[in-house]
N, C-alpha and C. Protein backbone atom coordinates (compact mmCIF):
# COMPACT_ATOMS: atom_id res chain seq x y z
N MET A 1 33.37 -22.68 8.87
CA MET A 1 33.31 -21.60 7.92
C MET A 1 32.99 -20.33 8.74
N ALA A 2 33.78 -19.42 8.57
CA ALA A 2 33.58 -18.16 9.27
C ALA A 2 32.48 -17.32 8.65
N GLU A 3 31.74 -16.60 9.46
CA GLU A 3 30.57 -15.90 8.89
C GLU A 3 31.18 -14.66 8.24
N MET A 4 30.72 -14.41 6.94
CA MET A 4 31.27 -13.36 6.22
C MET A 4 30.54 -11.93 6.63
N GLY A 5 29.30 -12.06 7.05
CA GLY A 5 28.62 -10.74 7.44
C GLY A 5 28.78 -10.31 8.84
N TRP A 6 29.53 -11.05 9.57
CA TRP A 6 29.64 -10.68 11.05
C TRP A 6 30.10 -9.33 11.19
N GLY A 7 31.07 -8.86 10.47
CA GLY A 7 31.66 -7.43 10.67
C GLY A 7 30.58 -6.42 10.30
N VAL A 8 29.89 -6.60 9.22
CA VAL A 8 28.82 -5.69 8.86
C VAL A 8 27.74 -5.68 9.93
N ARG A 9 27.29 -6.78 10.34
CA ARG A 9 26.30 -6.77 11.43
C ARG A 9 26.73 -6.17 12.72
N THR A 10 27.97 -6.24 13.08
CA THR A 10 28.55 -5.64 14.32
C THR A 10 28.55 -4.16 14.17
N GLN A 11 28.85 -3.65 12.98
CA GLN A 11 28.81 -2.21 12.80
C GLN A 11 27.40 -1.71 12.87
N LEU A 12 26.45 -2.48 12.23
CA LEU A 12 24.97 -2.04 12.25
C LEU A 12 24.59 -2.06 13.65
N LEU A 13 24.99 -3.15 14.34
CA LEU A 13 24.36 -3.34 15.83
C LEU A 13 24.91 -2.18 16.66
N ASP A 14 26.12 -1.71 16.48
CA ASP A 14 26.57 -0.53 17.30
C ASP A 14 25.73 0.63 16.98
N LYS A 15 25.29 0.90 15.71
CA LYS A 15 24.38 2.00 15.35
C LYS A 15 23.04 1.85 16.06
N VAL A 16 22.47 0.64 15.94
CA VAL A 16 21.15 0.43 16.55
C VAL A 16 21.24 0.57 17.96
N VAL A 17 22.27 0.06 18.66
CA VAL A 17 22.43 0.21 20.15
C VAL A 17 22.51 1.76 20.46
N VAL A 18 23.25 2.55 19.68
CA VAL A 18 23.29 3.93 19.91
C VAL A 18 21.95 4.56 19.96
N GLN A 19 21.05 4.02 19.09
CA GLN A 19 19.70 4.54 19.03
C GLN A 19 18.86 4.08 20.18
N GLY A 20 19.32 3.09 21.11
CA GLY A 20 18.57 2.78 22.15
C GLY A 20 18.03 1.38 22.21
N SER A 21 18.27 0.46 21.24
CA SER A 21 17.81 -0.84 21.14
C SER A 21 18.77 -1.71 21.97
N PRO A 22 18.34 -2.68 22.81
CA PRO A 22 19.28 -3.45 23.57
C PRO A 22 19.95 -4.47 22.74
N LYS A 23 21.33 -4.36 22.80
CA LYS A 23 22.29 -5.18 21.91
C LYS A 23 22.07 -6.69 22.23
N ALA A 24 21.87 -7.05 23.57
CA ALA A 24 21.74 -8.43 23.97
C ALA A 24 20.46 -9.05 23.37
N THR A 25 19.45 -8.19 23.34
CA THR A 25 18.20 -8.74 22.69
C THR A 25 18.35 -9.14 21.25
N ILE A 26 19.01 -8.20 20.51
CA ILE A 26 19.11 -8.34 19.10
C ILE A 26 20.14 -9.50 18.83
N LEU A 27 21.09 -9.67 19.59
CA LEU A 27 22.07 -10.79 19.51
C LEU A 27 21.35 -12.14 19.75
N ALA A 28 20.55 -12.16 20.79
CA ALA A 28 19.77 -13.33 21.08
C ALA A 28 18.89 -13.68 19.92
N LYS A 29 18.24 -12.69 19.32
CA LYS A 29 17.31 -12.93 18.26
C LYS A 29 18.05 -13.42 16.95
N LEU A 30 19.34 -12.88 16.74
CA LEU A 30 20.07 -13.36 15.67
C LEU A 30 20.51 -14.84 15.78
N ASP A 31 20.91 -15.16 17.05
CA ASP A 31 21.24 -16.49 17.36
C ASP A 31 20.07 -17.53 17.09
N LEU A 32 18.94 -17.09 17.52
CA LEU A 32 17.70 -17.83 17.33
C LEU A 32 17.27 -18.09 15.90
N LEU A 33 17.41 -16.93 15.09
CA LEU A 33 17.12 -16.94 13.77
C LEU A 33 18.10 -17.89 13.02
N LYS A 34 19.36 -17.78 13.38
CA LYS A 34 20.38 -18.61 12.75
C LYS A 34 20.12 -20.10 13.03
N LYS A 35 19.81 -20.38 14.19
CA LYS A 35 19.42 -21.80 14.42
C LYS A 35 18.14 -22.29 13.77
N GLU A 36 17.14 -21.35 13.73
CA GLU A 36 15.91 -21.86 13.12
C GLU A 36 16.13 -21.88 11.69
N LEU A 37 16.98 -21.16 11.00
CA LEU A 37 17.24 -21.32 9.48
C LEU A 37 18.18 -22.49 9.15
N GLY A 38 18.57 -23.34 10.26
CA GLY A 38 19.37 -24.43 10.00
C GLY A 38 20.86 -24.25 9.58
N TYR A 39 21.44 -23.23 10.08
CA TYR A 39 22.85 -22.87 9.78
C TYR A 39 23.83 -23.97 9.90
N GLU A 40 23.77 -24.73 10.88
CA GLU A 40 24.75 -25.73 11.24
C GLU A 40 24.76 -26.95 10.32
N THR A 41 23.50 -27.22 9.68
CA THR A 41 23.45 -28.41 8.83
C THR A 41 23.30 -28.01 7.35
N ALA A 42 23.37 -26.66 7.16
CA ALA A 42 23.12 -26.09 5.76
C ALA A 42 24.37 -26.28 4.84
N SER A 43 24.18 -26.34 3.63
CA SER A 43 25.31 -26.43 2.57
C SER A 43 25.99 -25.13 2.62
N ALA A 44 27.15 -24.98 1.93
CA ALA A 44 27.93 -23.88 1.87
C ALA A 44 27.18 -22.63 1.40
N VAL A 45 26.45 -22.89 0.27
CA VAL A 45 25.74 -21.88 -0.38
C VAL A 45 24.65 -21.30 0.64
N GLU A 46 23.95 -22.35 1.15
CA GLU A 46 22.79 -21.95 2.09
C GLU A 46 23.35 -21.24 3.34
N ARG A 47 24.54 -21.38 3.76
CA ARG A 47 25.13 -20.69 4.93
C ARG A 47 25.42 -19.25 4.48
N LEU A 48 25.94 -19.05 3.26
CA LEU A 48 26.16 -17.71 2.73
C LEU A 48 24.85 -17.01 2.70
N LEU A 49 23.73 -17.57 2.28
CA LEU A 49 22.53 -16.95 2.10
C LEU A 49 21.84 -16.63 3.56
N ILE A 50 22.06 -17.66 4.45
CA ILE A 50 21.65 -17.47 5.86
C ILE A 50 22.29 -16.23 6.40
N ASP A 51 23.53 -16.17 6.26
CA ASP A 51 24.40 -15.09 6.70
C ASP A 51 23.87 -13.73 6.18
N HIS A 52 23.53 -13.71 4.89
CA HIS A 52 22.91 -12.52 4.16
C HIS A 52 21.54 -12.23 4.92
N VAL A 53 20.69 -13.18 5.04
CA VAL A 53 19.44 -13.04 5.58
C VAL A 53 19.57 -12.31 7.08
N LEU A 54 20.49 -12.85 7.80
CA LEU A 54 20.71 -12.23 9.17
C LEU A 54 21.18 -10.75 9.07
N THR A 55 22.13 -10.48 8.07
CA THR A 55 22.63 -9.09 7.88
C THR A 55 21.38 -8.17 7.49
N CYS A 56 20.63 -8.65 6.57
CA CYS A 56 19.43 -7.88 6.07
C CYS A 56 18.57 -7.65 7.29
N TRP A 57 18.33 -8.69 8.13
CA TRP A 57 17.37 -8.54 9.21
C TRP A 57 17.85 -7.52 10.25
N VAL A 58 19.20 -7.37 10.43
CA VAL A 58 19.78 -6.26 11.33
C VAL A 58 19.55 -4.99 10.66
N ARG A 59 19.65 -4.85 9.33
CA ARG A 59 19.36 -3.61 8.52
C ARG A 59 17.95 -3.22 8.72
N VAL A 60 17.05 -4.17 8.71
CA VAL A 60 15.65 -3.72 8.90
C VAL A 60 15.44 -3.20 10.37
N GLU A 61 16.08 -3.83 11.34
CA GLU A 61 15.96 -3.46 12.66
C GLU A 61 16.50 -1.94 12.77
N HIS A 62 17.68 -1.71 12.23
CA HIS A 62 18.35 -0.39 12.10
C HIS A 62 17.33 0.57 11.51
N ALA A 63 16.85 0.23 10.38
CA ALA A 63 15.85 1.16 9.67
C ALA A 63 14.58 1.44 10.45
N GLU A 64 14.20 0.41 11.27
CA GLU A 64 12.92 0.65 12.05
C GLU A 64 13.28 1.56 13.31
N VAL A 65 14.36 1.37 13.82
CA VAL A 65 14.74 2.35 14.87
C VAL A 65 15.00 3.76 14.41
N LEU A 66 15.61 3.90 13.39
CA LEU A 66 15.81 5.31 12.71
C LEU A 66 14.43 5.87 12.31
N TYR A 67 13.59 5.05 11.77
CA TYR A 67 12.28 5.60 11.22
C TYR A 67 11.47 6.04 12.49
N ASN A 68 11.46 5.12 13.55
CA ASN A 68 10.66 5.45 14.65
C ASN A 68 11.18 6.77 15.35
N ASN A 69 12.50 6.81 15.40
CA ASN A 69 12.95 8.11 16.11
C ASN A 69 12.67 9.32 15.41
N LYS A 70 12.47 9.21 14.08
CA LYS A 70 12.25 10.37 13.20
C LYS A 70 10.71 10.71 13.25
N ALA A 71 9.94 9.54 13.14
CA ALA A 71 8.48 9.80 12.81
C ALA A 71 7.63 9.98 14.14
N VAL A 72 7.92 9.27 15.18
CA VAL A 72 7.15 9.18 16.35
C VAL A 72 7.15 10.60 17.04
N GLY A 73 6.00 11.19 17.24
CA GLY A 73 5.80 12.38 17.98
C GLY A 73 6.46 13.62 17.35
N GLN A 74 6.73 13.60 16.07
CA GLN A 74 7.33 14.77 15.39
C GLN A 74 6.55 15.09 14.09
N PHE A 75 6.58 16.37 13.84
CA PHE A 75 6.03 16.73 12.51
C PHE A 75 7.08 16.59 11.46
N LEU A 76 6.91 15.86 10.43
CA LEU A 76 7.90 15.81 9.33
C LEU A 76 7.19 16.32 8.10
N SER A 77 8.05 17.03 7.33
CA SER A 77 7.64 17.53 6.02
C SER A 77 7.34 16.23 5.14
N LEU A 78 6.55 16.42 4.11
CA LEU A 78 6.34 15.31 3.15
C LEU A 78 7.46 14.76 2.69
N ASN A 79 8.41 15.50 2.36
CA ASN A 79 9.71 15.05 1.55
C ASN A 79 10.55 14.20 2.59
N VAL A 80 10.67 14.60 3.86
CA VAL A 80 11.44 13.96 4.93
C VAL A 80 10.61 12.62 5.22
N ALA A 81 9.33 12.65 5.36
CA ALA A 81 8.52 11.51 5.67
C ALA A 81 8.71 10.51 4.61
N LEU A 82 8.66 10.96 3.32
CA LEU A 82 8.82 10.12 2.26
C LEU A 82 10.14 9.45 2.16
N TYR A 83 11.27 10.13 2.47
CA TYR A 83 12.57 9.61 2.58
C TYR A 83 12.62 8.43 3.53
N TRP A 84 12.14 8.68 4.82
CA TRP A 84 12.34 7.59 5.76
C TRP A 84 11.45 6.39 5.48
N GLU A 85 10.22 6.66 4.88
CA GLU A 85 9.38 5.52 4.35
C GLU A 85 10.21 4.73 3.36
N GLN A 86 10.85 5.35 2.41
CA GLN A 86 11.59 4.66 1.40
C GLN A 86 12.71 4.00 1.97
N PHE A 87 13.41 4.60 2.92
CA PHE A 87 14.52 3.91 3.65
C PHE A 87 14.18 2.61 4.28
N LEU A 88 13.08 2.71 4.90
CA LEU A 88 12.62 1.45 5.72
C LEU A 88 12.12 0.42 4.55
N ALA A 89 11.39 0.93 3.70
CA ALA A 89 10.84 -0.12 2.67
C ALA A 89 12.06 -0.77 1.79
N ALA A 90 13.06 -0.01 1.58
CA ALA A 90 14.29 -0.56 0.87
C ALA A 90 14.94 -1.67 1.75
N ALA A 91 15.00 -1.44 3.05
CA ALA A 91 15.63 -2.51 3.94
C ALA A 91 14.76 -3.75 4.04
N GLN A 92 13.47 -3.49 4.06
CA GLN A 92 12.45 -4.56 4.03
C GLN A 92 12.54 -5.43 2.79
N ARG A 93 12.64 -4.75 1.67
CA ARG A 93 12.75 -5.46 0.30
C ARG A 93 13.99 -6.31 0.25
N ARG A 94 15.13 -5.67 0.80
CA ARG A 94 16.33 -6.57 0.73
C ARG A 94 16.23 -7.70 1.55
N TRP A 95 15.66 -7.60 2.68
CA TRP A 95 15.46 -8.82 3.58
C TRP A 95 14.59 -9.73 2.92
N LEU A 96 13.45 -9.31 2.34
CA LEU A 96 12.52 -10.24 1.76
C LEU A 96 13.34 -10.98 0.56
N ALA A 97 14.05 -10.30 -0.22
CA ALA A 97 14.75 -10.97 -1.31
C ALA A 97 15.79 -11.93 -0.89
N ALA A 98 16.47 -11.65 0.30
CA ALA A 98 17.43 -12.61 0.84
C ALA A 98 16.68 -13.80 1.32
N VAL A 99 15.49 -13.57 1.95
CA VAL A 99 14.66 -14.93 2.33
C VAL A 99 14.26 -15.64 1.18
N GLU A 100 13.68 -15.02 0.15
CA GLU A 100 13.30 -15.68 -1.15
C GLU A 100 14.55 -16.37 -1.86
N SER A 101 15.64 -15.82 -1.76
CA SER A 101 16.75 -16.46 -2.38
C SER A 101 17.19 -17.74 -1.62
N LEU A 102 17.08 -17.66 -0.27
CA LEU A 102 17.39 -18.88 0.46
C LEU A 102 16.31 -19.93 0.19
N ALA A 103 15.09 -19.69 0.23
CA ALA A 103 13.92 -20.51 -0.12
C ALA A 103 14.14 -21.11 -1.47
N ARG A 104 14.52 -20.34 -2.51
CA ARG A 104 14.63 -20.78 -3.77
C ARG A 104 15.78 -21.69 -3.88
N VAL A 105 16.93 -21.58 -3.21
CA VAL A 105 18.09 -22.50 -3.35
C VAL A 105 17.74 -23.72 -2.63
N ARG A 106 17.02 -23.62 -1.54
CA ARG A 106 16.62 -24.85 -0.89
C ARG A 106 15.61 -25.75 -1.56
N ARG A 107 14.65 -25.03 -2.28
CA ARG A 107 13.72 -25.71 -3.10
C ARG A 107 14.37 -26.44 -4.27
N LEU A 108 15.35 -25.73 -4.96
CA LEU A 108 16.11 -26.29 -6.07
C LEU A 108 16.95 -27.53 -5.59
N GLY A 109 17.51 -27.29 -4.38
CA GLY A 109 18.27 -28.57 -3.89
C GLY A 109 17.51 -29.79 -3.47
N ALA A 110 16.27 -29.52 -3.08
CA ALA A 110 15.38 -30.52 -2.78
C ALA A 110 15.01 -31.37 -4.08
N ARG A 111 14.83 -30.66 -5.11
CA ARG A 111 14.27 -31.22 -6.33
C ARG A 111 15.38 -32.00 -7.14
N SER A 112 16.54 -31.45 -7.07
CA SER A 112 17.55 -32.15 -7.95
C SER A 112 18.28 -33.21 -7.15
N PRO A 113 18.48 -34.30 -7.75
CA PRO A 113 19.21 -35.35 -7.09
C PRO A 113 20.68 -35.07 -6.98
N LEU A 114 21.32 -35.56 -5.93
CA LEU A 114 22.68 -35.40 -5.80
C LEU A 114 23.59 -36.41 -6.57
N PHE A 115 22.89 -37.57 -6.83
CA PHE A 115 23.65 -38.60 -7.61
C PHE A 115 22.51 -39.40 -8.51
N GLN A 116 23.07 -39.95 -9.55
CA GLN A 116 22.30 -40.72 -10.45
C GLN A 116 23.00 -41.98 -10.89
N VAL A 117 22.38 -43.12 -10.89
CA VAL A 117 23.06 -44.39 -11.25
C VAL A 117 22.25 -44.91 -12.54
N ASN A 118 22.97 -45.18 -13.59
CA ASN A 118 22.31 -45.89 -14.82
C ASN A 118 22.90 -47.30 -14.77
N ILE A 119 21.98 -48.24 -14.77
CA ILE A 119 22.43 -49.64 -14.80
C ILE A 119 21.70 -50.20 -16.13
N ALA A 120 22.59 -50.79 -16.99
CA ALA A 120 22.13 -51.54 -18.18
C ALA A 120 22.97 -52.76 -18.60
N GLU A 121 22.22 -53.64 -18.93
CA GLU A 121 22.92 -54.82 -19.45
C GLU A 121 22.57 -54.93 -20.96
N GLN A 122 23.50 -55.50 -21.71
CA GLN A 122 23.24 -55.59 -23.10
C GLN A 122 22.01 -56.38 -23.37
N GLY A 123 21.05 -55.73 -24.19
CA GLY A 123 19.87 -56.37 -24.52
C GLY A 123 18.80 -56.33 -23.43
N ALA A 124 19.12 -55.67 -22.38
CA ALA A 124 18.15 -55.52 -21.28
C ALA A 124 17.65 -54.12 -21.18
N GLN A 125 16.64 -53.93 -20.49
CA GLN A 125 15.94 -52.50 -20.21
C GLN A 125 17.00 -51.78 -19.23
N GLN A 126 17.24 -50.47 -19.50
CA GLN A 126 17.97 -49.64 -18.70
C GLN A 126 17.16 -49.21 -17.56
N ILE A 127 17.89 -49.13 -16.27
CA ILE A 127 17.30 -48.75 -15.00
C ILE A 127 17.99 -47.52 -14.60
N ASN A 128 17.19 -46.54 -14.30
CA ASN A 128 17.80 -45.26 -13.78
C ASN A 128 17.36 -45.15 -12.28
N ALA A 129 18.33 -44.75 -11.46
CA ALA A 129 18.00 -44.55 -10.11
C ALA A 129 18.64 -43.22 -9.67
N GLN A 130 17.75 -42.49 -8.99
CA GLN A 130 18.17 -41.20 -8.49
C GLN A 130 17.89 -41.07 -7.04
N GLY A 131 18.73 -40.30 -6.36
CA GLY A 131 18.51 -40.19 -4.98
C GLY A 131 19.45 -39.10 -4.38
N GLN A 132 19.23 -38.70 -3.18
CA GLN A 132 20.04 -37.84 -2.46
C GLN A 132 20.99 -38.48 -1.42
N SER A 133 22.28 -38.04 -1.34
CA SER A 133 23.05 -38.60 -0.37
C SER A 133 22.76 -38.10 0.92
N GLN A 134 22.90 -38.94 1.97
CA GLN A 134 22.54 -38.63 3.27
C GLN A 134 23.60 -38.99 4.28
């Protein structure tokens, strides 16, 4: 399955690199996050959510770079400072929401069985067996 967010992340990475962040470092971190989140063994829905988590993480990195370039060592008016604070906070909220969505889908998948077998004979007690396919 091709990654849907790769083009978006590439565009963002180009902007982050223009601001001075090393692209190789960010790409290595993305690969590590992808592996740690279990992309290779994830379901299709989880893969889409992992892809979204990675894209949001790049957005946070981009927002951090922009925020630091504007705020560090410069006097900013209250309105400008507030804008950049909100810009960064919005990126962080999106990332957190993406992580929470992935966790929620994984938690729901762990609770619900993937198959159920009902065994009953006439005049006997019914036996229900649930489990996950592996």
